[in-house]
Amino acid sequence: MIPLPALIGFIGGIALGLFMAYRKKGNKLDLLHYGAVCGLIGVTLGYFAMLVLPAPV
């Protein structure tokens, strides 16, 4: 099961990647590539946020 901050980072990263590729007039493979890379960056930032930010009690 993927934690919520990582899931939010993944979805946000995909959306940001698709937007960046669409703005640069990329083809379908560019959209896929930008979405995948930015999604992985989002997951990494989400997991890092879980380590740094304290959990609510």
N, C-alpha and C. Protein backbone atom coordinates (compact mmCIF):
# COMPACT_ATOMS: atom_id res chain seq x y z
N MET A 1 0.85 -1.18 0.00
CA MET A 1 0.00 0.00 0.00
C MET A 1 0.89 1.24 0.00
N ILE A 2 0.59 2.16 -0.85
CA ILE A 2 1.40 3.38 -0.97
C ILE A 2 0.84 4.44 -0.01
N PRO A 3 1.71 5.09 0.75
CA PRO A 3 1.24 6.12 1.69
C PRO A 3 0.68 7.34 0.96
N LEU A 4 -0.18 8.06 1.65
CA LEU A 4 -0.88 9.19 1.04
C LEU A 4 0.05 10.29 0.52
N PRO A 5 1.08 10.74 1.27
CA PRO A 5 1.95 11.78 0.70
C PRO A 5 2.66 11.34 -0.58
N ALA A 6 3.04 10.08 -0.64
CA ALA A 6 3.69 9.58 -1.85
C ALA A 6 2.69 9.49 -3.00
N LEU A 7 1.46 9.11 -2.71
CA LEU A 7 0.42 9.03 -3.74
C LEU A 7 0.09 10.42 -4.27
N ILE A 8 -0.02 11.39 -3.38
CA ILE A 8 -0.28 12.76 -3.81
C ILE A 8 0.88 13.28 -4.65
N GLY A 9 2.10 12.98 -4.24
CA GLY A 9 3.26 13.38 -5.02
C GLY A 9 3.30 12.73 -6.38
N PHE A 10 2.88 11.46 -6.46
CA PHE A 10 2.86 10.73 -7.72
C PHE A 10 1.84 11.34 -8.68
N ILE A 11 0.63 11.57 -8.20
CA ILE A 11 -0.42 12.13 -9.06
C ILE A 11 -0.08 13.56 -9.45
N GLY A 12 0.40 14.33 -8.49
CA GLY A 12 0.80 15.71 -8.81
C GLY A 12 1.97 15.76 -9.78
N GLY A 13 2.91 14.84 -9.63
CA GLY A 13 4.05 14.79 -10.54
C GLY A 13 3.65 14.42 -11.94
N ILE A 14 2.73 13.45 -12.07
CA ILE A 14 2.24 13.08 -13.39
C ILE A 14 1.54 14.26 -14.05
N ALA A 15 0.69 14.95 -13.29
CA ALA A 15 -0.03 16.09 -13.84
C ALA A 15 0.93 17.19 -14.27
N LEU A 16 1.94 17.45 -13.45
CA LEU A 16 2.92 18.48 -13.80
C LEU A 16 3.73 18.07 -15.03
N GLY A 17 4.12 16.82 -15.11
CA GLY A 17 4.87 16.33 -16.26
C GLY A 17 4.08 16.41 -17.55
N LEU A 18 2.81 16.01 -17.48
CA LEU A 18 1.97 16.10 -18.67
C LEU A 18 1.78 17.54 -19.11
N PHE A 19 1.59 18.43 -18.14
CA PHE A 19 1.43 19.85 -18.47
C PHE A 19 2.69 20.41 -19.11
N MET A 20 3.86 20.06 -18.56
CA MET A 20 5.12 20.57 -19.13
C MET A 20 5.33 20.06 -20.55
N ALA A 21 5.05 18.77 -20.79
CA ALA A 21 5.24 18.22 -22.13
C ALA A 21 4.23 18.79 -23.12
N TYR A 22 3.00 18.99 -22.66
CA TYR A 22 1.98 19.55 -23.55
C TYR A 22 2.31 20.99 -23.92
N ARG A 23 2.85 21.73 -22.95
CA ARG A 23 3.22 23.13 -23.21
C ARG A 23 4.37 23.23 -24.19
N LYS A 24 5.25 22.22 -24.21
CA LYS A 24 6.38 22.21 -25.14
C LYS A 24 6.02 21.57 -26.48
N LYS A 25 4.72 21.30 -26.69
CA LYS A 25 4.22 20.70 -27.93
C LYS A 25 4.82 19.32 -28.19
N GLY A 26 4.93 18.50 -27.15
CA GLY A 26 5.51 17.17 -27.28
C GLY A 26 4.52 16.17 -27.85
N ASN A 27 5.05 15.08 -28.43
CA ASN A 27 4.18 14.03 -28.94
C ASN A 27 3.78 13.09 -27.79
N LYS A 28 3.13 11.97 -28.12
CA LYS A 28 2.62 11.07 -27.09
C LYS A 28 3.73 10.46 -26.24
N LEU A 29 4.86 10.13 -26.87
CA LEU A 29 5.96 9.56 -26.10
C LEU A 29 6.59 10.60 -25.17
N ASP A 30 6.64 11.86 -25.60
CA ASP A 30 7.13 12.92 -24.72
C ASP A 30 6.21 13.08 -23.51
N LEU A 31 4.90 13.03 -23.75
CA LEU A 31 3.95 13.13 -22.64
C LEU A 31 4.15 11.98 -21.66
N LEU A 32 4.33 10.77 -22.17
CA LEU A 32 4.54 9.61 -21.32
C LEU A 32 5.85 9.72 -20.53
N HIS A 33 6.90 10.16 -21.20
CA HIS A 33 8.20 10.27 -20.56
C HIS A 33 8.20 11.34 -19.46
N TYR A 34 7.71 12.52 -19.78
CA TYR A 34 7.65 13.59 -18.78
C TYR A 34 6.76 13.18 -17.60
N GLY A 35 5.62 12.56 -17.88
CA GLY A 35 4.73 12.13 -16.81
C GLY A 35 5.37 11.11 -15.90
N ALA A 36 6.07 10.13 -16.49
CA ALA A 36 6.71 9.08 -15.69
C ALA A 36 7.83 9.64 -14.83
N VAL A 37 8.68 10.46 -15.41
CA VAL A 37 9.82 11.00 -14.66
C VAL A 37 9.34 11.93 -13.55
N CYS A 38 8.43 12.81 -13.86
CA CYS A 38 7.93 13.72 -12.83
C CYS A 38 7.12 12.98 -11.76
N GLY A 39 6.45 11.89 -12.16
CA GLY A 39 5.74 11.07 -11.17
C GLY A 39 6.70 10.41 -10.20
N LEU A 40 7.82 9.90 -10.70
CA LEU A 40 8.83 9.30 -9.82
C LEU A 40 9.46 10.35 -8.91
N ILE A 41 9.69 11.53 -9.43
CA ILE A 41 10.22 12.61 -8.59
C ILE A 41 9.21 12.97 -7.50
N GLY A 42 7.93 12.99 -7.85
CA GLY A 42 6.89 13.27 -6.87
C GLY A 42 6.82 12.23 -5.77
N VAL A 43 6.95 10.95 -6.14
CA VAL A 43 6.95 9.88 -5.14
C VAL A 43 8.14 10.05 -4.20
N THR A 44 9.30 10.35 -4.77
CA THR A 44 10.50 10.53 -3.95
C THR A 44 10.32 11.69 -2.98
N LEU A 45 9.77 12.80 -3.46
CA LEU A 45 9.52 13.94 -2.57
C LEU A 45 8.46 13.61 -1.52
N GLY A 46 7.46 12.81 -1.88
CA GLY A 46 6.43 12.41 -0.92
C GLY A 46 7.00 11.56 0.20
N TYR A 47 7.86 10.60 -0.15
CA TYR A 47 8.50 9.78 0.88
C TYR A 47 9.45 10.62 1.73
N PHE A 48 10.15 11.55 1.12
CA PHE A 48 11.04 12.43 1.89
C PHE A 48 10.23 13.29 2.86
N ALA A 49 9.08 13.79 2.40
CA ALA A 49 8.21 14.59 3.28
C ALA A 49 7.73 13.76 4.47
N MET A 50 7.48 12.47 4.24
CA MET A 50 7.07 11.60 5.35
C MET A 50 8.17 11.47 6.38
N LEU A 51 9.42 11.49 5.95
CA LEU A 51 10.53 11.37 6.90
C LEU A 51 10.77 12.67 7.68
N VAL A 52 10.57 13.80 7.00
CA VAL A 52 10.93 15.08 7.60
C VAL A 52 9.78 15.66 8.44
N LEU A 53 8.57 15.62 7.92
CA LEU A 53 7.43 16.21 8.64
C LEU A 53 6.92 15.25 9.69
N PRO A 54 6.60 15.76 10.88
CA PRO A 54 6.09 14.86 11.92
C PRO A 54 4.65 14.44 11.62
N ALA A 55 4.29 13.25 12.06
CA ALA A 55 2.95 12.74 11.86
C ALA A 55 2.00 13.39 12.88
N PRO A 56 0.77 13.68 12.48
CA PRO A 56 -0.18 14.26 13.45
C PRO A 56 -0.55 13.21 14.50
N VAL A 57 -0.68 13.69 15.72
CA VAL A 57 -0.97 12.76 16.83
C VAL A 57 -2.43 12.82 17.21
